[in-house]
C-alpha cells in the first residue's frame, strides 16, 4: 500500500508534456539513473489542478543528460545551475556538496 494519499498518474497523463516527460523518465531509468517529477506540477496535482509544466530531477550529470538526448537538441537554461530543456521539459541534476551546498542551505 502506498503511503502517498493521492494518485498522481491520471493528472500527469493529462498533461501535454507527459509524453515527452515519460520518454525522458524511462530513458534515464533504463540507463540506471534516478529520475523524478518535481516542482510545481506536484503542488498542482496534489491541490487538484492540472499541472502547468513538468520538471524532472535526476542524478545524471548535465553532460550525461545532454548526451542521452542530443537528438532532441537539448538547450541549457537556468541561471544558478545547469538545467536542460528537452522537448519543453526542464531536466535538472541533483546538486551535491561538491558545489558547496548543503541540505540546510537549500532549505533556508
PDB file of N, CA and C in Angstrom:
ATOM      1  N   UNK A   1       0.839  -1.176   0.000  1.00  0.00           N
ATOM      2  CA  UNK A   1       0.000   0.000   0.000  1.00  0.00           C
ATOM      3  C   UNK A   1       0.885   1.240   0.000  1.00  0.00           C
ATOM      4  N   UNK A   2       0.582   2.177  -0.832  1.00  0.00           N
ATOM      5  CA  UNK A   2       1.353   3.408  -0.919  1.00  0.00           C
ATOM      6  C   UNK A   2       1.037   4.317   0.266  1.00  0.00           C
ATOM      7  N   UNK A   3       2.072   4.988   0.757  1.00  0.00           N
ATOM      8  CA  UNK A   3       1.845   5.945   1.840  1.00  0.00           C
ATOM      9  C   UNK A   3       1.444   7.309   1.297  1.00  0.00           C
ATOM     10  N   UNK A   4       1.493   7.452  -0.027  1.00  0.00           N
ATOM     11  CA  UNK A   4       1.137   8.725  -0.633  1.00  0.00           C
ATOM     12  C   UNK A   4      -0.365   8.754  -0.856  1.00  0.00           C
ATOM     13  N   UNK A   5      -1.063   9.774  -0.363  1.00  0.00           N
ATOM     14  CA  UNK A   5      -2.528   9.757  -0.362  1.00  0.00           C
ATOM     15  C   UNK A   5      -3.202  10.090  -1.690  1.00  0.00           C
ATOM     16  N   UNK A   6      -2.444  10.483  -2.700  1.00  0.00           N
ATOM     17  CA  UNK A   6      -3.059  10.926  -3.951  1.00  0.00           C
ATOM     18  C   UNK A   6      -2.431  10.160  -5.109  1.00  0.00           C
ATOM     19  N   UNK A   7      -3.252   9.640  -6.014  1.00  0.00           N
ATOM     20  CA  UNK A   7      -2.756   9.002  -7.227  1.00  0.00           C
ATOM     21  C   UNK A   7      -2.539  10.098  -8.267  1.00  0.00           C
ATOM     22  N   UNK A   8      -1.277  10.372  -8.588  1.00  0.00           N
ATOM     23  CA  UNK A   8      -0.955  11.499  -9.463  1.00  0.00           C
ATOM     24  C   UNK A   8      -0.902  11.132 -10.943  1.00  0.00           C
ATOM     25  N   UNK A   9      -0.798   9.846 -11.250  1.00  0.00           N
ATOM     26  CA  UNK A   9      -0.610   9.449 -12.638  1.00  0.00           C
ATOM     27  C   UNK A   9      -1.719   9.924 -13.577  1.00  0.00           C
ATOM     28  N   UNK A  10      -3.000   9.835 -13.209  1.00  0.00           N
ATOM     29  CA  UNK A  10      -4.021  10.346 -14.141  1.00  0.00           C
ATOM     30  C   UNK A  10      -3.830  11.829 -14.473  1.00  0.00           C
ATOM     31  N   UNK A  11      -3.450  12.631 -13.497  1.00  0.00           N
ATOM     32  CA  UNK A  11      -3.213  14.047 -13.750  1.00  0.00           C
ATOM     33  C   UNK A  11      -2.003  14.284 -14.625  1.00  0.00           C
ATOM     34  N   UNK A  12      -0.951  13.481 -14.420  1.00  0.00           N
ATOM     35  CA  UNK A  12       0.240  13.601 -15.261  1.00  0.00           C
ATOM     36  C   UNK A  12      -0.083  13.213 -16.694  1.00  0.00           C
ATOM     37  N   UNK A  13      -0.824  12.128 -16.843  1.00  0.00           N
ATOM     38  CA  UNK A  13      -1.151  11.635 -18.181  1.00  0.00           C
ATOM     39  C   UNK A  13      -1.988  12.643 -18.962  1.00  0.00           C
ATOM     40  N   UNK A  14      -2.688  13.534 -18.271  1.00  0.00           N
ATOM     41  CA  UNK A  14      -3.480  14.556 -18.938  1.00  0.00           C
ATOM     42  C   UNK A  14      -2.679  15.767 -19.376  1.00  0.00           C
ATOM     43  N   UNK A  15      -1.417  15.834 -18.980  1.00  0.00           N
ATOM     44  CA  UNK A  15      -0.566  16.969 -19.335  1.00  0.00           C
ATOM     45  C   UNK A  15      -0.046  16.821 -20.760  1.00  0.00           C
ATOM     46  N   UNK A  16      -0.022  17.927 -21.495  1.00  0.00           N
ATOM     47  CA  UNK A  16       0.514  17.904 -22.859  1.00  0.00           C
ATOM     48  C   UNK A  16       1.987  17.520 -22.865  1.00  0.00           C
ATOM     49  N   UNK A  17       2.701  17.771 -21.763  1.00  0.00           N
ATOM     50  CA  UNK A  17       4.125  17.452 -21.687  1.00  0.00           C
ATOM     51  C   UNK A  17       4.392  16.011 -21.262  1.00  0.00           C
ATOM     52  N   UNK A  18       3.366  15.278 -20.845  1.00  0.00           N
ATOM     53  CA  UNK A  18       3.578  13.942 -20.308  1.00  0.00           C
ATOM     54  C   UNK A  18       4.284  13.002 -21.281  1.00  0.00           C
ATOM     55  N   UNK A  19       3.932  12.939 -22.578  1.00  0.00           N
ATOM     56  CA  UNK A  19       4.655  12.013 -23.458  1.00  0.00           C
ATOM     57  C   UNK A  19       6.165  12.277 -23.478  1.00  0.00           C
ATOM     58  N   UNK A  20       6.566  13.536 -23.556  1.00  0.00           N
ATOM     59  CA  UNK A  20       7.997  13.866 -23.552  1.00  0.00           C
ATOM     60  C   UNK A  20       8.617  13.542 -22.198  1.00  0.00           C
ATOM     61  N   UNK A  21       7.925  13.897 -21.121  1.00  0.00           N
ATOM     62  CA  UNK A  21       8.448  13.631 -19.779  1.00  0.00           C
ATOM     63  C   UNK A  21       8.580  12.134 -19.543  1.00  0.00           C
ATOM     64  N   UNK A  22       7.595  11.368 -19.978  1.00  0.00           N
ATOM     65  CA  UNK A  22       7.638   9.909 -19.786  1.00  0.00           C
ATOM     66  C   UNK A  22       8.821   9.308 -20.526  1.00  0.00           C
ATOM     67  N   UNK A  23       9.088   9.775 -21.743  1.00  0.00           N
ATOM     68  CA  UNK A  23      10.238   9.292 -22.508  1.00  0.00           C
ATOM     69  C   UNK A  23      11.535   9.606 -21.776  1.00  0.00           C
ATOM     70  N   UNK A  24      11.651  10.822 -21.242  1.00  0.00           N
ATOM     71  CA  UNK A  24      12.855  11.220 -20.504  1.00  0.00           C
ATOM     72  C   UNK A  24      13.016  10.352 -19.258  1.00  0.00           C
ATOM     73  N   UNK A  25      11.945  10.193 -18.477  1.00  0.00           N
ATOM     74  CA  UNK A  25      11.997   9.359 -17.273  1.00  0.00           C
ATOM     75  C   UNK A  25      12.402   7.929 -17.614  1.00  0.00           C
ATOM     76  N   UNK A  26      11.760   7.348 -18.617  1.00  0.00           N
ATOM     77  CA  UNK A  26      12.044   5.965 -18.994  1.00  0.00           C
ATOM     78  C   UNK A  26      13.477   5.794 -19.477  1.00  0.00           C
ATOM     79  N   UNK A  27      13.970   6.745 -20.272  1.00  0.00           N
ATOM     80  CA  UNK A  27      15.338   6.667 -20.784  1.00  0.00           C
ATOM     81  C   UNK A  27      16.347   6.757 -19.648  1.00  0.00           C
ATOM     82  N   UNK A  28      16.172   7.727 -18.757  1.00  0.00           N
ATOM     83  CA  UNK A  28      17.101   7.873 -17.636  1.00  0.00           C
ATOM     84  C   UNK A  28      17.097   6.629 -16.756  1.00  0.00           C
ATOM     85  N   UNK A  29      15.924   6.113 -16.448  1.00  0.00           N
ATOM     86  CA  UNK A  29      15.833   4.919 -15.598  1.00  0.00           C
ATOM     87  C   UNK A  29      16.430   3.696 -16.288  1.00  0.00           C
ATOM     88  N   UNK A  30      16.240   3.562 -17.596  1.00  0.00           N
ATOM     89  CA  UNK A  30      16.812   2.436 -18.344  1.00  0.00           C
ATOM     90  C   UNK A  30      18.339   2.470 -18.327  1.00  0.00           C
ATOM     91  N   UNK A  31      18.899   3.662 -18.202  1.00  0.00           N
ATOM     92  CA  UNK A  31      20.358   3.818 -18.142  1.00  0.00           C
ATOM     93  C   UNK A  31      20.885   3.745 -16.709  1.00  0.00           C
ATOM     94  N   UNK A  32      20.000   3.463 -15.749  1.00  0.00           N
ATOM     95  CA  UNK A  32      20.425   3.272 -14.363  1.00  0.00           C
ATOM     96  C   UNK A  32      20.401   4.515 -13.500  1.00  0.00           C
ATOM     97  N   UNK A  33      19.795   5.575 -13.982  1.00  0.00           N
ATOM     98  CA  UNK A  33      19.729   6.819 -13.211  1.00  0.00           C
ATOM     99  C   UNK A  33      18.377   6.952 -12.519  1.00  0.00           C
ATOM    100  N   UNK A  34      18.370   7.658 -11.417  1.00  0.00           N
ATOM    101  CA  UNK A  34      17.116   8.017 -10.751  1.00  0.00           C
ATOM    102  C   UNK A  34      16.525   9.205 -11.504  1.00  0.00           C
ATOM    103  N   UNK A  35      15.213   9.282 -11.553  1.00  0.00           N
ATOM    104  CA  UNK A  35      14.547  10.406 -12.214  1.00  0.00           C
ATOM    105  C   UNK A  35      13.164  10.570 -11.605  1.00  0.00           C
ATOM    106  N   UNK A  36      12.830  11.819 -11.277  1.00  0.00           N
ATOM    107  CA  UNK A  36      11.585  12.111 -10.577  1.00  0.00           C
ATOM    108  C   UNK A  36      10.913  13.350 -11.155  1.00  0.00           C
ATOM    109  N   UNK A  37       9.580  13.343 -11.181  1.00  0.00           N
ATOM    110  CA  UNK A  37       8.819  14.563 -11.464  1.00  0.00           C
ATOM    111  C   UNK A  37       8.864  15.390 -10.179  1.00  0.00           C
ATOM    112  N   UNK A  38       9.185  16.677 -10.301  1.00  0.00           N
ATOM    113  CA  UNK A  38       9.320  17.549  -9.127  1.00  0.00           C
ATOM    114  C   UNK A  38       8.654  18.898  -9.395  1.00  0.00           C
ATOM    115  N   UNK A  39       8.620  19.725  -8.372  1.00  0.00           N
ATOM    116  CA  UNK A  39       8.238  21.121  -8.535  1.00  0.00           C
ATOM    117  C   UNK A  39       6.748  21.386  -8.516  1.00  0.00           C
ATOM    118  N   UNK A  40       6.389  22.437  -9.218  1.00  0.00           N
ATOM    119  CA  UNK A  40       5.028  22.943  -9.206  1.00  0.00           C
ATOM    120  C   UNK A  40       3.997  21.956  -9.716  1.00  0.00           C
ATOM    121  N   UNK A  41       4.398  21.035 -10.586  1.00  0.00           N
ATOM    122  CA  UNK A  41       3.448  20.039 -11.088  1.00  0.00           C
ATOM    123  C   UNK A  41       2.891  19.205  -9.945  1.00  0.00           C
ATOM    124  N   UNK A  42       3.751  18.845  -9.003  1.00  0.00           N
ATOM    125  CA  UNK A  42       3.277  18.064  -7.852  1.00  0.00           C
ATOM    126  C   UNK A  42       2.322  18.877  -6.998  1.00  0.00           C
ATOM    127  N   UNK A  43       2.682  20.118  -6.755  1.00  0.00           N
ATOM    128  CA  UNK A  43       1.801  21.001  -5.974  1.00  0.00           C
ATOM    129  C   UNK A  43       0.438  21.116  -6.650  1.00  0.00           C
ATOM    130  N   UNK A  44       0.460  21.338  -7.971  1.00  0.00           N
ATOM    131  CA  UNK A  44      -0.793  21.476  -8.716  1.00  0.00           C
ATOM    132  C   UNK A  44      -1.634  20.209  -8.626  1.00  0.00           C
ATOM    133  N   UNK A  45      -1.007  19.065  -8.841  1.00  0.00           N
ATOM    134  CA  UNK A  45      -1.738  17.802  -8.823  1.00  0.00           C
ATOM    135  C   UNK A  45      -2.315  17.496  -7.447  1.00  0.00           C
ATOM    136  N   UNK A  46      -1.524  17.723  -6.412  1.00  0.00           N
ATOM    137  CA  UNK A  46      -1.992  17.458  -5.051  1.00  0.00           C
ATOM    138  C   UNK A  46      -3.173  18.355  -4.703  1.00  0.00           C
ATOM    139  N   UNK A  47      -3.160  19.578  -5.222  1.00  0.00           N
ATOM    140  CA  UNK A  47      -4.260  20.505  -4.929  1.00  0.00           C
ATOM    141  C   UNK A  47      -5.433  20.350  -5.903  1.00  0.00           C
ATOM    142  N   UNK A  48      -5.348  19.341  -6.793  1.00  0.00           N
ATOM    143  CA  UNK A  48      -6.462  19.049  -7.687  1.00  0.00           C
ATOM    144  C   UNK A  48      -6.497  19.855  -8.965  1.00  0.00           C
ATOM    145  N   UNK A  49      -5.398  20.514  -9.302  1.00  0.00           N
ATOM    146  CA  UNK A  49      -5.332  21.319 -10.524  1.00  0.00           C
ATOM    147  C   UNK A  49      -4.473  20.617 -11.569  1.00  0.00           C
ATOM    148  N   UNK A  50      -4.725  20.861 -12.846  1.00  0.00           N
ATOM    149  CA  UNK A  50      -3.859  20.281 -13.877  1.00  0.00           C
ATOM    150  C   UNK A  50      -2.470  20.921 -13.804  1.00  0.00           C
ATOM    151  N   UNK A  51      -1.422  20.136 -14.030  1.00  0.00           N
ATOM    152  CA  UNK A  51      -0.071  20.698 -13.948  1.00  0.00           C
ATOM    153  C   UNK A  51       0.209  21.658 -15.094  1.00  0.00           C
ATOM    154  N   UNK A  52       0.915  22.745 -14.768  1.00  0.00           N
ATOM    155  CA  UNK A  52       1.297  23.702 -15.797  1.00  0.00           C
ATOM    156  C   UNK A  52       2.437  23.178 -16.639  1.00  0.00           C
ATOM    157  N   UNK A  53       3.529  22.852 -15.996  1.00  0.00           N
ATOM    158  CA  UNK A  53       4.667  22.299 -16.712  1.00  0.00           C
ATOM    159  C   UNK A  53       5.249  21.179 -15.869  1.00  0.00           C
ATOM    160  N   UNK A  54       6.012  20.302 -16.520  1.00  0.00           N
ATOM    161  CA  UNK A  54       6.610  19.171 -15.826  1.00  0.00           C
ATOM    162  C   UNK A  54       8.117  19.366 -15.767  1.00  0.00           C
ATOM    163  N   UNK A  55       8.669  19.197 -14.578  1.00  0.00           N
ATOM    164  CA  UNK A  55      10.108  19.296 -14.356  1.00  0.00           C
ATOM    165  C   UNK A  55      10.598  17.956 -13.834  1.00  0.00           C
ATOM    166  N   UNK A  56      11.810  17.589 -14.233  1.00  0.00           N
ATOM    167  CA  UNK A  56      12.401  16.321 -13.815  1.00  0.00           C
ATOM    168  C   UNK A  56      13.705  16.593 -13.092  1.00  0.00           C
ATOM    169  N   UNK A  57      13.938  15.839 -12.025  1.00  0.00           N
ATOM    170  CA  UNK A  57      15.187  15.881 -11.276  1.00  0.00           C
ATOM    171  C   UNK A  57      15.841  14.516 -11.403  1.00  0.00           C
ATOM    172  N   UNK A  58      17.147  14.491 -11.687  1.00  0.00           N
ATOM    173  CA  UNK A  58      17.862  13.235 -11.892  1.00  0.00           C
ATOM    174  C   UNK A  58      19.239  13.275 -11.246  1.00  0.00           C
ATOM    175  N   UNK A  59      19.801  12.088 -11.017  1.00  0.00           N
ATOM    176  CA  UNK A  59      21.174  12.024 -10.526  1.00  0.00           C
ATOM    177  C   UNK A  59      22.171  11.949 -11.679  1.00  0.00           C
ATOM    178  N   UNK A  60      21.701  11.936 -12.914  1.00  0.00           N
ATOM    179  CA  UNK A  60      22.595  12.008 -14.074  1.00  0.00           C
ATOM    180  C   UNK A  60      23.134  13.433 -14.177  1.00  0.00           C
ATOM    181  N   UNK A  61      24.407  13.551 -14.522  1.00  0.00           N
ATOM    182  CA  UNK A  61      25.002  14.886 -14.661  1.00  0.00           C
ATOM    183  C   UNK A  61      24.409  15.592 -15.881  1.00  0.00           C
ATOM    184  N   UNK A  62      24.506  16.926 -15.920  1.00  0.00           N
ATOM    185  CA  UNK A  62      24.019  17.647 -17.105  1.00  0.00           C
ATOM    186  C   UNK A  62      24.673  17.158 -18.398  1.00  0.00           C
ATOM    187  N   UNK A  63      25.966  16.824 -18.340  1.00  0.00           N
ATOM    188  CA  UNK A  63      26.641  16.321 -19.543  1.00  0.00           C
ATOM    189  C   UNK A  63      26.027  15.011 -20.024  1.00  0.00           C
ATOM    190  N   UNK A  64      25.737  14.114 -19.086  1.00  0.00           N
ATOM    191  CA  UNK A  64      25.125  12.834 -19.455  1.00  0.00           C
ATOM    192  C   UNK A  64      23.724  13.059 -20.013  1.00  0.00           C
ATOM    193  N   UNK A  65      22.951  13.908 -19.361  1.00  0.00           N
ATOM    194  CA  UNK A  65      21.598  14.205 -19.849  1.00  0.00           C
ATOM    195  C   UNK A  65      21.669  14.720 -21.286  1.00  0.00           C
ATOM    196  N   UNK A  66      22.565  15.648 -21.538  1.00  0.00           N
ATOM    197  CA  UNK A  66      22.674  16.226 -22.880  1.00  0.00           C
ATOM    198  C   UNK A  66      23.129  15.197 -23.906  1.00  0.00           C
ATOM    199  N   UNK A  67      24.019  14.264 -23.503  1.00  0.00           N
ATOM    200  CA  UNK A  67      24.450  13.216 -24.431  1.00  0.00           C
ATOM    201  C   UNK A  67      23.318  12.226 -24.718  1.00  0.00           C
ATOM    202  N   UNK A  68      22.574  11.859 -23.685  1.00  0.00           N
ATOM    203  CA  UNK A  68      21.479  10.902 -23.880  1.00  0.00           C
ATOM    204  C   UNK A  68      20.396  11.447 -24.812  1.00  0.00           C
ATOM    205  N   UNK A  69      20.200  12.759 -24.777  1.00  0.00           N
ATOM    206  CA  UNK A  69      19.104  13.363 -25.538  1.00  0.00           C
ATOM    207  C   UNK A  69      19.605  14.307 -26.626  1.00  0.00           C
ATOM    208  N   UNK A  70      20.822  14.105 -27.113  1.00  0.00           N
ATOM    209  CA  UNK A  70      21.395  15.021 -28.104  1.00  0.00           C
ATOM    210  C   UNK A  70      20.513  15.132 -29.343  1.00  0.00           C
ATOM    211  N   UNK A  71      19.820  14.075 -29.720  1.00  0.00           N
ATOM    212  CA  UNK A  71      18.944  14.104 -30.892  1.00  0.00           C
ATOM    213  C   UNK A  71      17.725  14.998 -30.708  1.00  0.00           C
ATOM    214  N   UNK A  72      17.429  15.319 -29.464  1.00  0.00           N
ATOM    215  CA  UNK A  72      16.296  16.200 -29.158  1.00  0.00           C
ATOM    216  C   UNK A  72      16.728  17.662 -29.051  1.00  0.00           C
ATOM    217  N   UNK A  73      18.000  17.917 -29.313  1.00  0.00           N
ATOM    218  CA  UNK A  73      18.564  19.274 -29.264  1.00  0.00           C
ATOM    219  C   UNK A  73      18.313  19.958 -27.913  1.00  0.00           C
ATOM    220  N   UNK A  74      18.848  19.373 -26.827  1.00  0.00           N
ATOM    221  CA  UNK A  74      18.651  19.997 -25.506  1.00  0.00           C
ATOM    222  C   UNK A  74      19.248  21.396 -25.475  1.00  0.00           C
ATOM    223  N   UNK A  75      18.587  22.269 -24.751  1.00  0.00           N
ATOM    224  CA  UNK A  75      19.039  23.655 -24.621  1.00  0.00           C
ATOM    225  C   UNK A  75      19.297  23.927 -23.147  1.00  0.00           C
ATOM    226  N   UNK A  76      20.425  24.556 -22.841  1.00  0.00           N
ATOM    227  CA  UNK A  76      20.770  24.887 -21.456  1.00  0.00           C
ATOM    228  C   UNK A  76      20.004  26.126 -21.014  1.00  0.00           C
ATOM    229  N   UNK A  77      19.315  26.010 -19.889  1.00  0.00           N
ATOM    230  CA  UNK A  77      18.587  27.125 -19.290  1.00  0.00           C
ATOM    231  C   UNK A  77      18.915  27.144 -17.807  1.00  0.00           C
ATOM    232  N   UNK A  78      18.542  28.161 -17.121  1.00  0.00           N
ATOM    233  CA  UNK A  78      18.793  28.252 -15.678  1.00  0.00           C
ATOM    234  C   UNK A  78      19.988  29.133 -15.396  1.00  0.00           C
ATOM    235  N   UNK A  79      19.868  29.960 -14.385  1.00  0.00           N
ATOM    236  CA  UNK A  79      20.931  30.904 -14.068  1.00  0.00           C
ATOM    237  C   UNK A  79      21.869  30.398 -12.984  1.00  0.00           C
ATOM    238  N   UNK A  80      21.358  29.693 -11.976  1.00  0.00           N
ATOM    239  CA  UNK A  80      22.189  29.287 -10.848  1.00  0.00           C
ATOM    240  C   UNK A  80      22.818  27.918 -11.024  1.00  0.00           C
ATOM    241  N   UNK A  81      22.212  27.060 -11.798  1.00  0.00           N
ATOM    242  CA  UNK A  81      22.785  25.753 -12.079  1.00  0.00           C
ATOM    243  C   UNK A  81      22.218  25.265 -13.398  1.00  0.00           C
ATOM    244  N   UNK A  82      22.899  24.288 -13.989  1.00  0.00           N
ATOM    245  CA  UNK A  82      22.519  23.847 -15.328  1.00  0.00           C
ATOM    246  C   UNK A  82      21.205  23.077 -15.326  1.00  0.00           C
ATOM    247  N   UNK A  83      20.335  23.486 -16.200  1.00  0.00           N
ATOM    248  CA  UNK A  83      19.072  22.797 -16.440  1.00  0.00           C
ATOM    249  C   UNK A  83      18.965  22.621 -17.946  1.00  0.00           C
ATOM    250  N   UNK A  84      18.620  21.416 -18.375  1.00  0.00           N
ATOM    251  CA  UNK A  84      18.446  21.152 -19.800  1.00  0.00           C
ATOM    252  C   UNK A  84      16.968  21.201 -20.141  1.00  0.00           C
ATOM    253  N   UNK A  85      16.635  21.907 -21.190  1.00  0.00           N
ATOM    254  CA  UNK A  85      15.263  21.951 -21.688  1.00  0.00           C
ATOM    255  C   UNK A  85      15.176  20.974 -22.853  1.00  0.00           C
ATOM    256  N   UNK A  86      14.374  19.919 -22.666  1.00  0.00           N
ATOM    257  CA  UNK A  86      14.255  18.863 -23.667  1.00  0.00           C
ATOM    258  C   UNK A  86      12.777  18.719 -24.021  1.00  0.00           C
ATOM    259  N   UNK A  87      12.439  19.070 -25.242  1.00  0.00           N
ATOM    260  CA  UNK A  87      11.039  18.982 -25.699  1.00  0.00           C
ATOM    261  C   UNK A  87      10.076  19.650 -24.727  1.00  0.00           C
ATOM    262  N   UNK A  88      10.472  20.798 -24.198  1.00  0.00           N
ATOM    263  CA  UNK A  88       9.618  21.566 -23.303  1.00  0.00           C
ATOM    264  C   UNK A  88       9.662  21.151 -21.847  1.00  0.00           C
ATOM    265  N   UNK A  89      10.432  20.119 -21.513  1.00  0.00           N
ATOM    266  CA  UNK A  89      10.541  19.623 -20.140  1.00  0.00           C
ATOM    267  C   UNK A  89      11.903  20.022 -19.584  1.00  0.00           C
ATOM    268  N   UNK A  90      11.909  20.659 -18.403  1.00  0.00           N
ATOM    269  CA  UNK A  90      13.170  21.027 -17.760  1.00  0.00           C
ATOM    270  C   UNK A  90      13.705  19.835 -16.981  1.00  0.00           C
ATOM    271  N   UNK A  91      14.990  19.514 -17.215  1.00  0.00           N
ATOM    272  CA  UNK A  91      15.647  18.401 -16.539  1.00  0.00           C
ATOM    273  C   UNK A  91      16.837  18.961 -15.774  1.00  0.00           C
ATOM    274  N   UNK A  92      16.797  18.836 -14.449  1.00  0.00           N
ATOM    275  CA  UNK A  92      17.869  19.331 -13.585  1.00  0.00           C
ATOM    276  C   UNK A  92      18.559  18.146 -12.925  1.00  0.00           C
ATOM    277  N   UNK A  93      19.836  18.337 -12.620  1.00  0.00           N
ATOM    278  CA  UNK A  93      20.606  17.320 -11.912  1.00  0.00           C
ATOM    279  C   UNK A  93      20.668  17.657 -10.436  1.00  0.00           C
ATOM    280  N   UNK A  94      20.757  16.591  -9.604  1.00  0.00           N
ATOM    281  CA  UNK A  94      20.936  16.811  -8.172  1.00  0.00           C
ATOM    282  C   UNK A  94      22.141  17.708  -7.962  1.00  0.00           C
ATOM    283  N   UNK A  95      22.035  18.615  -7.023  1.00  0.00           N
ATOM    284  CA  UNK A  95      23.189  19.421  -6.626  1.00  0.00           C
ATOM    285  C   UNK A  95      23.789  18.757  -5.403  1.00  0.00           C
ATOM    286  N   UNK A  96      25.108  18.663  -5.367  1.00  0.00           N
ATOM    287  CA  UNK A  96      25.758  17.990  -4.245  1.00  0.00           C
ATOM    288  C   UNK A  96      26.630  18.917  -3.443  1.00  0.00           C
ATOM    289  N   UNK A  97      27.162  18.378  -2.366  1.00  0.00           N
ATOM    290  CA  UNK A  97      28.052  19.153  -1.508  1.00  0.00           C
ATOM    291  C   UNK A  97      29.309  19.587  -2.241  1.00  0.00           C
ATOM    292  N   UNK A  98      29.664  18.899  -3.334  1.00  0.00           N
ATOM    293  CA  UNK A  98      30.854  19.292  -4.078  1.00  0.00           C
ATOM    294  C   UNK A  98      30.710  20.693  -4.654  1.00  0.00           C
ATOM    295  N   UNK A  99      29.487  21.182  -4.742  1.00  0.00           N
ATOM    296  CA  UNK A  99      29.255  22.530  -5.249  1.00  0.00           C
ATOM    297  C   UNK A  99      29.127  23.530  -4.110  1.00  0.00           C
ATOM    298  N   UNK A 100      29.419  23.072  -2.891  1.00  0.00           N
ATOM    299  CA  UNK A 100      29.402  23.980  -1.755  1.00  0.00           C
ATOM    300  C   UNK A 100      28.070  24.088  -1.061  1.00  0.00           C
ATOM    301  N   UNK A 101      27.044  23.405  -1.549  1.00  0.00           N
ATOM    302  CA  UNK A 101      25.730  23.497  -0.941  1.00  0.00           C
ATOM    303  C   UNK A 101      25.521  22.446   0.127  1.00  0.00           C
ATOM    304  N   UNK A 102      24.589  22.708   0.991  1.00  0.00           N
ATOM    305  CA  UNK A 102      24.177  21.738   1.995  1.00  0.00           C
ATOM    306  C   UNK A 102      22.661  21.671   1.992  1.00  0.00           C
ATOM    307  N   UNK A 103      22.137  20.606   2.540  1.00  0.00           N
ATOM    308  CA  UNK A 103      20.689  20.487   2.654  1.00  0.00           C
ATOM    309  C   UNK A 103      20.131  21.644   3.465  1.00  0.00           C
ATOM    310  N   UNK A 104      20.818  21.989   4.536  1.00  0.00           N
ATOM    311  CA  UNK A 104      20.360  23.084   5.387  1.00  0.00           C
ATOM    312  C   UNK A 104      20.301  24.398   4.614  1.00  0.00           C
ATOM    313  N   UNK A 105      21.315  24.649   3.787  1.00  0.00           N
ATOM    314  CA  UNK A 105      21.333  25.884   2.997  1.00  0.00           C
ATOM    315  C   UNK A 105      20.207  25.879   1.961  1.00  0.00           C
ATOM    316  N   UNK A 106      19.971  24.708   1.327  1.00  0.00           N
ATOM    317  CA  UNK A 106      18.898  24.618   0.339  1.00  0.00           C
ATOM    318  C   UNK A 106      17.533  24.878   0.962  1.00  0.00           C
ATOM    319  N   UNK A 107      17.352  24.416   2.199  1.00  0.00           N
ATOM    320  CA  UNK A 107      16.062  24.570   2.862  1.00  0.00           C
ATOM    321  C   UNK A 107      15.893  25.922   3.531  1.00  0.00           C
ATOM    322  N   UNK A 108      16.977  26.675   3.624  1.00  0.00           N
ATOM    323  CA  UNK A 108      16.906  28.025   4.174  1.00  0.00           C
ATOM    324  C   UNK A 108      16.931  28.028   5.652  1.00  0.00           C
TER     325      UNK A 108
END
